[in-house]
Protein backbone atom coordinates (compact mmCIF):
# COMPACT_ATOMS: atom_id res chain seq x y z
CA MET A 1 14.86 6.17 -21.40
CA LYS A 2 16.17 3.97 -18.76
CA ILE A 3 13.61 1.89 -16.92
CA GLU A 4 14.48 1.54 -13.03
CA SER A 5 13.27 -1.47 -11.19
CA TYR A 6 13.10 -1.54 -7.47
CA THR A 7 12.38 -4.76 -5.15
CA TYR A 8 12.05 -5.50 -1.71
CA THR A 9 11.54 -9.01 0.07
CA GLY A 10 11.13 -8.32 3.64
CA GLU A 11 7.75 -8.03 5.26
CA ALA A 12 5.40 -5.13 5.45
CA MET A 13 6.23 -1.86 3.60
CA LYS A 14 9.59 -0.08 2.51
CA ARG A 15 9.85 2.87 0.47
CA VAL A 16 12.11 2.00 -2.51
CA TYR A 17 12.03 5.59 -4.13
CA GLU A 18 11.29 9.13 -3.41
CA ASN A 19 11.85 12.64 -4.80
CA GLU A 20 10.18 15.92 -4.02
CA LYS A 21 6.77 14.75 -6.09
CA TRP A 22 6.67 11.03 -5.64
CA THR A 23 7.03 8.20 -3.12
CA ILE A 24 7.11 4.57 -4.24
CA GLY A 25 6.62 1.85 -1.80
CA VAL A 26 6.48 -1.97 -1.93
CA LYS A 27 4.28 -3.66 0.54
CA ASN A 28 4.69 -7.50 1.19
CA TRP A 29 2.44 -9.28 3.24
CA LYS A 30 3.11 -9.65 7.05
CA PRO A 31 0.84 -11.27 9.67
CA GLY A 32 -0.71 -8.08 10.70
CA SER A 33 -1.82 -7.61 6.92
CA ASP A 34 -4.30 -10.45 7.26
CA PRO A 35 -7.84 -9.19 6.58
CA SER A 36 -8.84 -10.52 9.95
CA MET A 37 -6.27 -8.54 11.64
CA ILE A 38 -7.33 -5.12 10.04
CA ASP A 39 -8.81 -2.81 12.94
CA CYS A 40 -8.79 0.57 11.25
CA LEU A 41 -8.24 2.43 8.05
CA GLU A 42 -5.81 5.19 7.32
CA ARG A 43 -6.60 8.35 5.23
CA HIS A 44 -4.50 10.14 2.87
CA ASN A 45 -6.60 13.19 2.21
CA LYS A 46 -3.68 15.27 0.64
CA THR A 47 -2.50 12.95 -1.93
CA ASP A 48 -3.27 10.53 -4.86
CA GLU A 49 -2.52 6.79 -4.21
CA LEU A 50 -2.40 4.00 -6.70
CA PHE A 51 -2.02 0.36 -5.99
CA VAL A 52 -0.50 -2.11 -8.30
CA LEU A 53 -0.48 -5.96 -7.67
CA VAL A 54 2.49 -7.40 -9.14
CA HIS A 55 2.18 -10.84 -7.84
CA GLY A 56 -0.37 -12.96 -6.01
CA SER A 57 -3.68 -11.61 -4.32
CA CYS A 58 -4.81 -8.87 -2.18
CA VAL A 59 -7.68 -7.43 -0.28
CA LEU A 60 -8.17 -3.62 -0.67
CA ARG A 61 -10.45 -2.08 1.70
CA GLY A 62 -12.24 1.31 1.59
CA GLY A 63 -14.61 3.33 3.62
CA ASP A 64 -15.98 7.03 4.31
CA ARG A 65 -16.95 8.95 7.56
CA GLU A 66 -20.72 7.96 7.04
CA ARG A 67 -20.25 4.11 7.50
CA SER A 68 -17.79 1.59 8.48
CA ALA A 69 -15.46 -0.08 6.31
CA VAL A 70 -16.57 -1.84 3.02
């Protein structure tokens, strides 16, 4: 089996792989990613999401309709 590797060194997010079932994106830091700049959350109700931290640190926030972001 061949193991594929994808990289992206720019700011923000870029899709690096897509097929009919999967999308893989790499998200790098950008000024708007700073936790103090977050003013809304996105919802993706029709898909599963997986986050893998490869290097550094991150903040992952979640929320629901009944309360504000956690």
